[in-house]
PDB file of N, CA and C in Angstrom:
ATOM      1  N   MET A   1      40.021 -34.685  15.804  1.00  0.00           N
ATOM      2  CA  MET A   1      41.299 -34.713  16.468  1.00  0.00           C
ATOM      3  C   MET A   1      41.770 -33.276  16.718  1.00  0.00           C
ATOM      4  N   PRO A   2      42.377 -33.045  17.855  1.00  0.00           N
ATOM      5  CA  PRO A   2      42.955 -31.719  18.101  1.00  0.00           C
ATOM      6  C   PRO A   2      44.078 -31.435  17.117  1.00  0.00           C
ATOM      7  N   ARG A   3      44.291 -30.164  16.857  1.00  0.00           N
ATOM      8  CA  ARG A   3      45.309 -29.754  15.900  1.00  0.00           C
ATOM      9  C   ARG A   3      46.689 -30.261  16.306  1.00  0.00           C
ATOM     10  N   ASP A   4      46.978 -30.315  17.608  1.00  0.00           N
ATOM     11  CA  ASP A   4      48.306 -30.741  18.057  1.00  0.00           C
ATOM     12  C   ASP A   4      48.348 -32.198  18.518  1.00  0.00           C
ATOM     13  N   SER A   5      47.435 -33.003  18.014  1.00  0.00           N
ATOM     14  CA  SER A   5      47.414 -34.418  18.396  1.00  0.00           C
ATOM     15  C   SER A   5      48.603 -35.161  17.791  1.00  0.00           C
ATOM     16  N   ALA A   6      48.876 -36.352  18.325  1.00  0.00           N
ATOM     17  CA  ALA A   6      49.999 -37.154  17.832  1.00  0.00           C
ATOM     18  C   ALA A   6      49.795 -37.563  16.376  1.00  0.00           C
ATOM     19  N   VAL A   7      48.541 -37.828  16.001  1.00  0.00           N
ATOM     20  CA  VAL A   7      48.261 -38.222  14.611  1.00  0.00           C
ATOM     21  C   VAL A   7      48.561 -37.061  13.667  1.00  0.00           C
ATOM     22  N   ASN A   8      48.070 -35.874  13.996  1.00  0.00           N
ATOM     23  CA  ASN A   8      48.344 -34.713  13.147  1.00  0.00           C
ATOM     24  C   ASN A   8      49.836 -34.396  13.115  1.00  0.00           C
ATOM     25  N   ARG A   9      50.520 -34.530  14.243  1.00  0.00           N
ATOM     26  CA  ARG A   9      51.956 -34.260  14.277  1.00  0.00           C
ATOM     27  C   ARG A   9      52.704 -35.267  13.404  1.00  0.00           C
ATOM     28  N   ASP A  10      52.258 -36.541  13.410  1.00  0.00           N
ATOM     29  CA  ASP A  10      52.900 -37.558  12.574  1.00  0.00           C
ATOM     30  C   ASP A  10      52.636 -37.300  11.092  1.00  0.00           C
ATOM     31  N   LEU A  11      51.427 -36.853  10.759  1.00  0.00           N
ATOM     32  CA  LEU A  11      51.072 -36.607   9.360  1.00  0.00           C
ATOM     33  C   LEU A  11      51.684 -35.322   8.812  1.00  0.00           C
ATOM     34  N   HIS A  12      51.710 -34.258   9.625  1.00  0.00           N
ATOM     35  CA  HIS A  12      52.074 -32.934   9.126  1.00  0.00           C
ATOM     36  C   HIS A  12      53.341 -32.356   9.739  1.00  0.00           C
ATOM     37  N   GLY A  13      53.953 -33.046  10.680  1.00  0.00           N
ATOM     38  CA  GLY A  13      55.192 -32.547  11.274  1.00  0.00           C
ATOM     39  C   GLY A  13      54.969 -31.307  12.108  1.00  0.00           C
ATOM     40  N   GLU A  14      55.964 -30.427  12.098  1.00  0.00           N
ATOM     41  CA  GLU A  14      55.874 -29.238  12.945  1.00  0.00           C
ATOM     42  C   GLU A  14      54.904 -28.186  12.395  1.00  0.00           C
ATOM     43  N   ALA A  15      54.343 -28.413  11.222  1.00  0.00           N
ATOM     44  CA  ALA A  15      53.366 -27.476  10.655  1.00  0.00           C
ATOM     45  C   ALA A  15      52.119 -27.376  11.520  1.00  0.00           C
ATOM     46  N   VAL A  16      51.817 -28.393  12.341  1.00  0.00           N
ATOM     47  CA  VAL A  16      50.620 -28.338  13.191  1.00  0.00           C
ATOM     48  C   VAL A  16      50.765 -27.282  14.277  1.00  0.00           C
ATOM     49  N   GLU A  17      51.980 -26.858  14.580  1.00  0.00           N
ATOM     50  CA  GLU A  17      52.190 -25.838  15.598  1.00  0.00           C
ATOM     51  C   GLU A  17      51.881 -24.436  15.087  1.00  0.00           C
ATOM     52  N   TRP A  18      51.756 -24.277  13.779  1.00  0.00           N
ATOM     53  CA  TRP A  18      51.516 -22.970  13.193  1.00  0.00           C
ATOM     54  C   TRP A  18      50.054 -22.845  12.804  1.00  0.00           C
ATOM     55  N   ASP A  19      49.326 -21.945  13.471  1.00  0.00           N
ATOM     56  CA  ASP A  19      47.952 -21.662  13.092  1.00  0.00           C
ATOM     57  C   ASP A  19      47.946 -20.374  12.256  1.00  0.00           C
ATOM     58  N   ALA A  20      46.776 -19.887  11.925  1.00  0.00           N
ATOM     59  CA  ALA A  20      46.683 -18.695  11.072  1.00  0.00           C
ATOM     60  C   ALA A  20      47.340 -17.483  11.730  1.00  0.00           C
ATOM     61  N   SER A  21      47.178 -17.338  13.039  1.00  0.00           N
ATOM     62  CA  SER A  21      47.778 -16.206  13.740  1.00  0.00           C
ATOM     63  C   SER A  21      49.297 -16.241  13.666  1.00  0.00           C
ATOM     64  N   THR A  22      49.874 -17.408  13.800  1.00  0.00           N
ATOM     65  CA  THR A  22      51.323 -17.536  13.735  1.00  0.00           C
ATOM     66  C   THR A  22      51.838 -17.206  12.339  1.00  0.00           C
ATOM     67  N   HIS A  23      51.117 -17.644  11.302  1.00  0.00           N
ATOM     68  CA  HIS A  23      51.509 -17.302   9.927  1.00  0.00           C
ATOM     69  C   HIS A  23      51.404 -15.792   9.703  1.00  0.00           C
ATOM     70  N   LEU A  24      50.362 -15.186  10.229  1.00  0.00           N
ATOM     71  CA  LEU A  24      50.202 -13.741  10.067  1.00  0.00           C
ATOM     72  C   LEU A  24      51.293 -12.979  10.818  1.00  0.00           C
ATOM     73  N   LEU A  25      51.667 -13.453  12.007  1.00  0.00           N
ATOM     74  CA  LEU A  25      52.754 -12.807  12.748  1.00  0.00           C
ATOM     75  C   LEU A  25      54.083 -12.939  12.002  1.00  0.00           C
ATOM     76  N   ALA A  26      54.328 -14.099  11.410  1.00  0.00           N
ATOM     77  CA  ALA A  26      55.553 -14.275  10.624  1.00  0.00           C
ATOM     78  C   ALA A  26      55.557 -13.323   9.432  1.00  0.00           C
ATOM     79  N   ALA A  27      54.405 -13.149   8.789  1.00  0.00           N
ATOM     80  CA  ALA A  27      54.306 -12.211   7.664  1.00  0.00           C
ATOM     81  C   ALA A  27      54.555 -10.781   8.138  1.00  0.00           C
ATOM     82  N   LEU A  28      54.041 -10.433   9.321  1.00  0.00           N
ATOM     83  CA  LEU A  28      54.261  -9.099   9.877  1.00  0.00           C
ATOM     84  C   LEU A  28      55.745  -8.850  10.131  1.00  0.00           C
ATOM     85  N   VAL A  29      56.435  -9.834  10.681  1.00  0.00           N
ATOM     86  CA  VAL A  29      57.867  -9.707  10.926  1.00  0.00           C
ATOM     87  C   VAL A  29      58.614  -9.556   9.601  1.00  0.00           C
ATOM     88  N   ASP A  30      58.238 -10.355   8.596  1.00  0.00           N
ATOM     89  CA  ASP A  30      58.889 -10.263   7.285  1.00  0.00           C
ATOM     90  C   ASP A  30      58.698  -8.881   6.666  1.00  0.00           C
ATOM     91  N   HIS A  31      57.477  -8.376   6.704  1.00  0.00           N
ATOM     92  CA  HIS A  31      57.198  -7.065   6.101  1.00  0.00           C
ATOM     93  C   HIS A  31      57.882  -5.935   6.874  1.00  0.00           C
ATOM     94  N   SER A  32      57.943  -6.051   8.189  1.00  0.00           N
ATOM     95  CA  SER A  32      58.651  -5.038   8.982  1.00  0.00           C
ATOM     96  C   SER A  32      60.137  -5.035   8.660  1.00  0.00           C
ATOM     97  N   ALA A  33      60.712  -6.223   8.492  1.00  0.00           N
ATOM     98  CA  ALA A  33      62.133  -6.305   8.149  1.00  0.00           C
ATOM     99  C   ALA A  33      62.412  -5.676   6.788  1.00  0.00           C
ATOM    100  N   VAL A  34      61.523  -5.904   5.827  1.00  0.00           N
ATOM    101  CA  VAL A  34      61.700  -5.312   4.497  1.00  0.00           C
ATOM    102  C   VAL A  34      61.539  -3.797   4.567  1.00  0.00           C
ATOM    103  N   ALA A  35      60.570  -3.319   5.351  1.00  0.00           N
ATOM    104  CA  ALA A  35      60.382  -1.870   5.494  1.00  0.00           C
ATOM    105  C   ALA A  35      61.613  -1.229   6.137  1.00  0.00           C
ATOM    106  N   ASN A  36      62.174  -1.877   7.150  1.00  0.00           N
ATOM    107  CA  ASN A  36      63.394  -1.357   7.778  1.00  0.00           C
ATOM    108  C   ASN A  36      64.559  -1.379   6.806  1.00  0.00           C
ATOM    109  N   TRP A  37      64.657  -2.438   6.008  1.00  0.00           N
ATOM    110  CA  TRP A  37      65.719  -2.537   5.007  1.00  0.00           C
ATOM    111  C   TRP A  37      65.585  -1.410   3.984  1.00  0.00           C
ATOM    112  N   MET A  38      64.347  -1.150   3.545  1.00  0.00           N
ATOM    113  CA  MET A  38      64.128  -0.073   2.570  1.00  0.00           C
ATOM    114  C   MET A  38      64.516   1.278   3.152  1.00  0.00           C
ATOM    115  N   THR A  39      64.104   1.532   4.395  1.00  0.00           N
ATOM    116  CA  THR A  39      64.430   2.797   5.042  1.00  0.00           C
ATOM    117  C   THR A  39      65.934   2.967   5.182  1.00  0.00           C
ATOM    118  N   ALA A  40      66.613   1.932   5.622  1.00  0.00           N
ATOM    119  CA  ALA A  40      68.065   2.004   5.781  1.00  0.00           C
ATOM    120  C   ALA A  40      68.758   2.170   4.429  1.00  0.00           C
ATOM    121  N   THR A  41      68.255   1.506   3.397  1.00  0.00           N
ATOM    122  CA  THR A  41      68.852   1.607   2.065  1.00  0.00           C
ATOM    123  C   THR A  41      68.677   3.006   1.492  1.00  0.00           C
ATOM    124  N   ILE A  42      67.481   3.546   1.646  1.00  0.00           N
ATOM    125  CA  ILE A  42      67.206   4.882   1.110  1.00  0.00           C
ATOM    126  C   ILE A  42      68.028   5.950   1.823  1.00  0.00           C
ATOM    127  N   ASN A  43      68.206   5.789   3.140  1.00  0.00           N
ATOM    128  CA  ASN A  43      68.906   6.805   3.927  1.00  0.00           C
ATOM    129  C   ASN A  43      70.408   6.598   4.021  1.00  0.00           C
ATOM    130  N   SER A  44      70.930   5.559   3.397  1.00  0.00           N
ATOM    131  CA  SER A  44      72.385   5.354   3.425  1.00  0.00           C
ATOM    132  C   SER A  44      73.033   6.238   2.360  1.00  0.00           C
ATOM    133  N   GLY A  45      74.282   6.504   2.547  1.00  0.00           N
ATOM    134  CA  GLY A  45      75.005   7.355   1.607  1.00  0.00           C
ATOM    135  C   GLY A  45      75.244   6.644   0.287  1.00  0.00           C
ATOM    136  N   GLU A  46      75.597   7.447  -0.712  1.00  0.00           N
ATOM    137  CA  GLU A  46      75.842   6.883  -2.037  1.00  0.00           C
ATOM    138  C   GLU A  46      77.062   5.972  -2.056  1.00  0.00           C
ATOM    139  N   ASP A  47      78.023   6.239  -1.196  1.00  0.00           N
ATOM    140  CA  ASP A  47      79.249   5.447  -1.165  1.00  0.00           C
ATOM    141  C   ASP A  47      79.132   4.210  -0.277  1.00  0.00           C
ATOM    142  N   ALA A  48      78.024   4.054   0.423  1.00  0.00           N
ATOM    143  CA  ALA A  48      77.858   2.927   1.359  1.00  0.00           C
ATOM    144  C   ALA A  48      77.646   1.626   0.592  1.00  0.00           C
ATOM    145  N   ASP A  49      78.107   0.547   1.196  1.00  0.00           N
ATOM    146  CA  ASP A  49      77.888  -0.772   0.606  1.00  0.00           C
ATOM    147  C   ASP A  49      76.400  -1.116   0.694  1.00  0.00           C
ATOM    148  N   PRO A  50      75.879  -1.798  -0.312  1.00  0.00           N
ATOM    149  CA  PRO A  50      74.464  -2.161  -0.254  1.00  0.00           C
ATOM    150  C   PRO A  50      74.196  -3.144   0.894  1.00  0.00           C
ATOM    151  N   LEU A  51      73.065  -2.964   1.527  1.00  0.00           N
ATOM    152  CA  LEU A  51      72.676  -3.836   2.637  1.00  0.00           C
ATOM    153  C   LEU A  51      72.086  -5.135   2.096  1.00  0.00           C
ATOM    154  N   ASP A  52      72.282  -6.211   2.838  1.00  0.00           N
ATOM    155  CA  ASP A  52      71.700  -7.496   2.450  1.00  0.00           C
ATOM    156  C   ASP A  52      70.196  -7.467   2.658  1.00  0.00           C
ATOM    157  N   TYR A  53      69.471  -8.032   1.700  1.00  0.00           N
ATOM    158  CA  TYR A  53      68.023  -8.129   1.817  1.00  0.00           C
ATOM    159  C   TYR A  53      67.691  -9.076   2.972  1.00  0.00           C
ATOM    160  N   PRO A  54      66.693  -8.754   3.790  1.00  0.00           N
ATOM    161  CA  PRO A  54      66.395  -9.607   4.955  1.00  0.00           C
ATOM    162  C   PRO A  54      65.845 -10.974   4.560  1.00  0.00           C
ATOM    163  N   GLU A  55      66.232 -11.984   5.335  1.00  0.00           N
ATOM    164  CA  GLU A  55      65.738 -13.343   5.125  1.00  0.00           C
ATOM    165  C   GLU A  55      64.355 -13.467   5.769  1.00  0.00           C
ATOM    166  N   PRO A  56      63.411 -14.135   5.097  1.00  0.00           N
ATOM    167  CA  PRO A  56      62.092 -14.320   5.710  1.00  0.00           C
ATOM    168  C   PRO A  56      62.145 -15.316   6.864  1.00  0.00           C
ATOM    169  N   VAL A  57      61.168 -15.217   7.745  1.00  0.00           N
ATOM    170  CA  VAL A  57      61.045 -16.161   8.849  1.00  0.00           C
ATOM    171  C   VAL A  57      60.791 -17.540   8.257  1.00  0.00           C
ATOM    172  N   PRO A  58      61.572 -18.552   8.647  1.00  0.00           N
ATOM    173  CA  PRO A  58      61.330 -19.894   8.105  1.00  0.00           C
ATOM    174  C   PRO A  58      59.990 -20.435   8.571  1.00  0.00           C
ATOM    175  N   ARG A  59      59.261 -21.026   7.646  1.00  0.00           N
ATOM    176  CA  ARG A  59      57.952 -21.582   7.956  1.00  0.00           C
ATOM    177  C   ARG A  59      58.022 -23.097   7.861  1.00  0.00           C
ATOM    178  N   PRO A  60      57.309 -23.790   8.726  1.00  0.00           N
ATOM    179  CA  PRO A  60      57.418 -25.246   8.746  1.00  0.00           C
ATOM    180  C   PRO A  60      56.746 -25.929   7.572  1.00  0.00           C
ATOM    181  N   ASP A  61      55.886 -25.243   6.848  1.00  0.00           N
ATOM    182  CA  ASP A  61      55.139 -25.895   5.776  1.00  0.00           C
ATOM    183  C   ASP A  61      55.897 -25.983   4.467  1.00  0.00           C
ATOM    184  N   SER A  62      57.060 -25.345   4.366  1.00  0.00           N
ATOM    185  CA  SER A  62      57.834 -25.464   3.136  1.00  0.00           C
ATOM    186  C   SER A  62      59.297 -25.178   3.427  1.00  0.00           C
ATOM    187  N   PRO A  63      60.210 -25.945   2.815  1.00  0.00           N
ATOM    188  CA  PRO A  63      61.627 -25.721   3.051  1.00  0.00           C
ATOM    189  C   PRO A  63      62.148 -24.461   2.374  1.00  0.00           C
ATOM    190  N   GLY A  64      61.534 -24.068   1.271  1.00  0.00           N
ATOM    191  CA  GLY A  64      61.988 -22.887   0.538  1.00  0.00           C
ATOM    192  C   GLY A  64      61.042 -21.724   0.748  1.00  0.00           C
ATOM    193  N   SER A  65      60.734 -21.054  -0.306  1.00  0.00           N
ATOM    194  CA  SER A  65      59.847 -19.903  -0.252  1.00  0.00           C
ATOM    195  C   SER A  65      58.425 -20.328   0.058  1.00  0.00           C
ATOM    196  N   HIS A  66      57.759 -19.531   0.877  1.00  0.00           N
ATOM    197  CA  HIS A  66      56.368 -19.816   1.241  1.00  0.00           C
ATOM    198  C   HIS A  66      55.457 -19.753   0.017  1.00  0.00           C
ATOM    199  N   GLU A  67      55.740 -18.860  -0.889  1.00  0.00           N
ATOM    200  CA  GLU A  67      54.880 -18.690  -2.056  1.00  0.00           C
ATOM    201  C   GLU A  67      55.049 -19.810  -3.085  1.00  0.00           C
ATOM    202  N   ASN A  68      56.196 -20.496  -3.061  1.00  0.00           N
ATOM    203  CA  ASN A  68      56.456 -21.528  -4.056  1.00  0.00           C
ATOM    204  C   ASN A  68      56.171 -22.931  -3.553  1.00  0.00           C
ATOM    205  N   ALA A  69      55.526 -23.042  -2.405  1.00  0.00           N
ATOM    206  CA  ALA A  69      55.266 -24.366  -1.843  1.00  0.00           C
ATOM    207  C   ALA A  69      54.261 -25.116  -2.706  1.00  0.00           C
ATOM    208  N   THR A  70      54.440 -26.442  -2.766  1.00  0.00           N
ATOM    209  CA  THR A  70      53.538 -27.263  -3.565  1.00  0.00           C
ATOM    210  C   THR A  70      52.872 -28.284  -2.685  1.00  0.00           C
ATOM    211  N   ALA A  71      52.041 -29.123  -3.290  1.00  0.00           N
ATOM    212  CA  ALA A  71      51.316 -30.143  -2.534  1.00  0.00           C
ATOM    213  C   ALA A  71      52.273 -31.163  -1.933  1.00  0.00           C
ATOM    214  N   ASP A  72      53.504 -31.252  -2.410  1.00  0.00           N
ATOM    215  CA  ASP A  72      54.486 -32.189  -1.869  1.00  0.00           C
ATOM    216  C   ASP A  72      54.949 -31.804  -0.477  1.00  0.00           C
ATOM    217  N   SER A  73      54.583 -30.622   0.014  1.00  0.00           N
ATOM    218  CA  SER A  73      55.046 -30.183   1.322  1.00  0.00           C
ATOM    219  C   SER A  73      54.310 -30.875   2.454  1.00  0.00           C
ATOM    220  N   GLY A  74      53.308 -31.688   2.154  1.00  0.00           N
ATOM    221  CA  GLY A  74      52.565 -32.383   3.192  1.00  0.00           C
ATOM    222  C   GLY A  74      51.353 -31.615   3.677  1.00  0.00           C
ATOM    223  N   VAL A  75      51.129 -30.436   3.139  1.00  0.00           N
ATOM    224  CA  VAL A  75      49.983 -29.622   3.526  1.00  0.00           C
ATOM    225  C   VAL A  75      49.117 -29.431   2.303  1.00  0.00           C
ATOM    226  N   GLU A  76      47.848 -29.698   2.451  1.00  0.00           N
ATOM    227  CA  GLU A  76      46.958 -29.538   1.306  1.00  0.00           C
ATOM    228  C   GLU A  76      46.801 -28.068   0.975  1.00  0.00           C
ATOM    229  N   GLY A  77      46.883 -27.736  -0.286  1.00  0.00           N
ATOM    230  CA  GLY A  77      46.751 -26.364  -0.724  1.00  0.00           C
ATOM    231  C   GLY A  77      45.542 -26.204  -1.629  1.00  0.00           C
ATOM    232  N   THR A  78      45.646 -25.305  -2.557  1.00  0.00           N
ATOM    233  CA  THR A  78      44.585 -25.065  -3.516  1.00  0.00           C
ATOM    234  C   THR A  78      44.621 -26.155  -4.582  1.00  0.00           C
ATOM    235  N   PRO A  79      43.608 -26.233  -5.451  1.00  0.00           N
ATOM    236  CA  PRO A  79      43.602 -27.289  -6.468  1.00  0.00           C
ATOM    237  C   PRO A  79      44.836 -27.315  -7.367  1.00  0.00           C
ATOM    238  N   ASP A  80      45.470 -26.163  -7.584  1.00  0.00           N
ATOM    239  CA  ASP A  80      46.669 -26.161  -8.431  1.00  0.00           C
ATOM    240  C   ASP A  80      47.936 -26.524  -7.648  1.00  0.00           C
ATOM    241  N   GLY A  81      47.800 -26.884  -6.347  1.00  0.00           N
ATOM    242  CA  GLY A  81      48.926 -27.342  -5.556  1.00  0.00           C
ATOM    243  C   GLY A  81      49.639 -26.267  -4.766  1.00  0.00           C
ATOM    244  N   ARG A  82      49.255 -24.994  -4.927  1.00  0.00           N
ATOM    245  CA  ARG A  82      49.900 -23.906  -4.186  1.00  0.00           C
ATOM    246  C   ARG A  82      49.180 -23.674  -2.873  1.00  0.00           C
ATOM    247  N   LEU A  83      49.922 -23.262  -1.872  1.00  0.00           N
ATOM    248  CA  LEU A  83      49.326 -22.916  -0.588  1.00  0.00           C
ATOM    249  C   LEU A  83      48.694 -21.534  -0.691  1.00  0.00           C
ATOM    250  N   PRO A  84      47.686 -21.261   0.122  1.00  0.00           N
ATOM    251  CA  PRO A  84      47.074 -19.933   0.074  1.00  0.00           C
ATOM    252  C   PRO A  84      48.052 -18.861   0.551  1.00  0.00           C
ATOM    253  N   SER A  85      47.887 -17.670   0.020  1.00  0.00           N
ATOM    254  CA  SER A  85      48.747 -16.564   0.420  1.00  0.00           C
ATOM    255  C   SER A  85      48.310 -16.048   1.788  1.00  0.00           C
ATOM    256  N   VAL A  86      49.102 -15.178   2.362  1.00  0.00           N
ATOM    257  CA  VAL A  86      48.772 -14.583   3.654  1.00  0.00           C
ATOM    258  C   VAL A  86      47.478 -13.779   3.540  1.00  0.00           C
ATOM    259  N   GLY A  87      47.294 -13.075   2.434  1.00  0.00           N
ATOM    260  CA  GLY A  87      46.061 -12.307   2.222  1.00  0.00           C
ATOM    261  C   GLY A  87      44.834 -13.204   2.143  1.00  0.00           C
ATOM    262  N   GLN A  88      44.975 -14.350   1.469  1.00  0.00           N
ATOM    263  CA  GLN A  88      43.867 -15.285   1.387  1.00  0.00           C
ATOM    264  C   GLN A  88      43.542 -15.866   2.755  1.00  0.00           C
ATOM    265  N   LEU A  89      44.568 -16.190   3.537  1.00  0.00           N
ATOM    266  CA  LEU A  89      44.333 -16.691   4.891  1.00  0.00           C
ATOM    267  C   LEU A  89      43.649 -15.643   5.750  1.00  0.00           C
ATOM    268  N   SER A  90      44.096 -14.405   5.635  1.00  0.00           N
ATOM    269  CA  SER A  90      43.513 -13.327   6.414  1.00  0.00           C
ATOM    270  C   SER A  90      42.040 -13.125   6.087  1.00  0.00           C
ATOM    271  N   SER A  91      41.705 -13.106   4.794  1.00  0.00           N
ATOM    272  CA  SER A  91      40.303 -12.903   4.413  1.00  0.00           C
ATOM    273  C   SER A  91      39.446 -14.111   4.784  1.00  0.00           C
ATOM    274  N   PHE A  92      40.019 -15.306   4.757  1.00  0.00           N
ATOM    275  CA  PHE A  92      39.261 -16.510   5.110  1.00  0.00           C
ATOM    276  C   PHE A  92      38.901 -16.506   6.597  1.00  0.00           C
ATOM    277  N   PHE A  93      39.840 -16.093   7.458  1.00  0.00           N
ATOM    278  CA  PHE A  93      39.609 -16.139   8.898  1.00  0.00           C
ATOM    279  C   PHE A  93      38.966 -14.867   9.445  1.00  0.00           C
ATOM    280  N   SER A  94      38.718 -13.866   8.616  1.00  0.00           N
ATOM    281  CA  SER A  94      38.090 -12.639   9.124  1.00  0.00           C
ATOM    282  C   SER A  94      36.590 -12.673   8.957  1.00  0.00           C
TER     283      SER A  94
END
């Protein structure tokens, strides 16, 4: 079945729209936002109010944190129920 078939969409929801490249792009956006936050925090004055930490890009495979997702998210993960990390996905597809 194609990744975006009706059966896969019914089984996995909007997670079928996200392939490895999309997950990697979301990770890139998250890391860039954190790097910008760090730069702005370091270069702000001592009297400045602290900046809010950036929110990660929401991912369809888990409602909360990507790292804390379990097998209940509808996506099969590793044997211990966790989804693979971005680094694991990158090394798998390279």
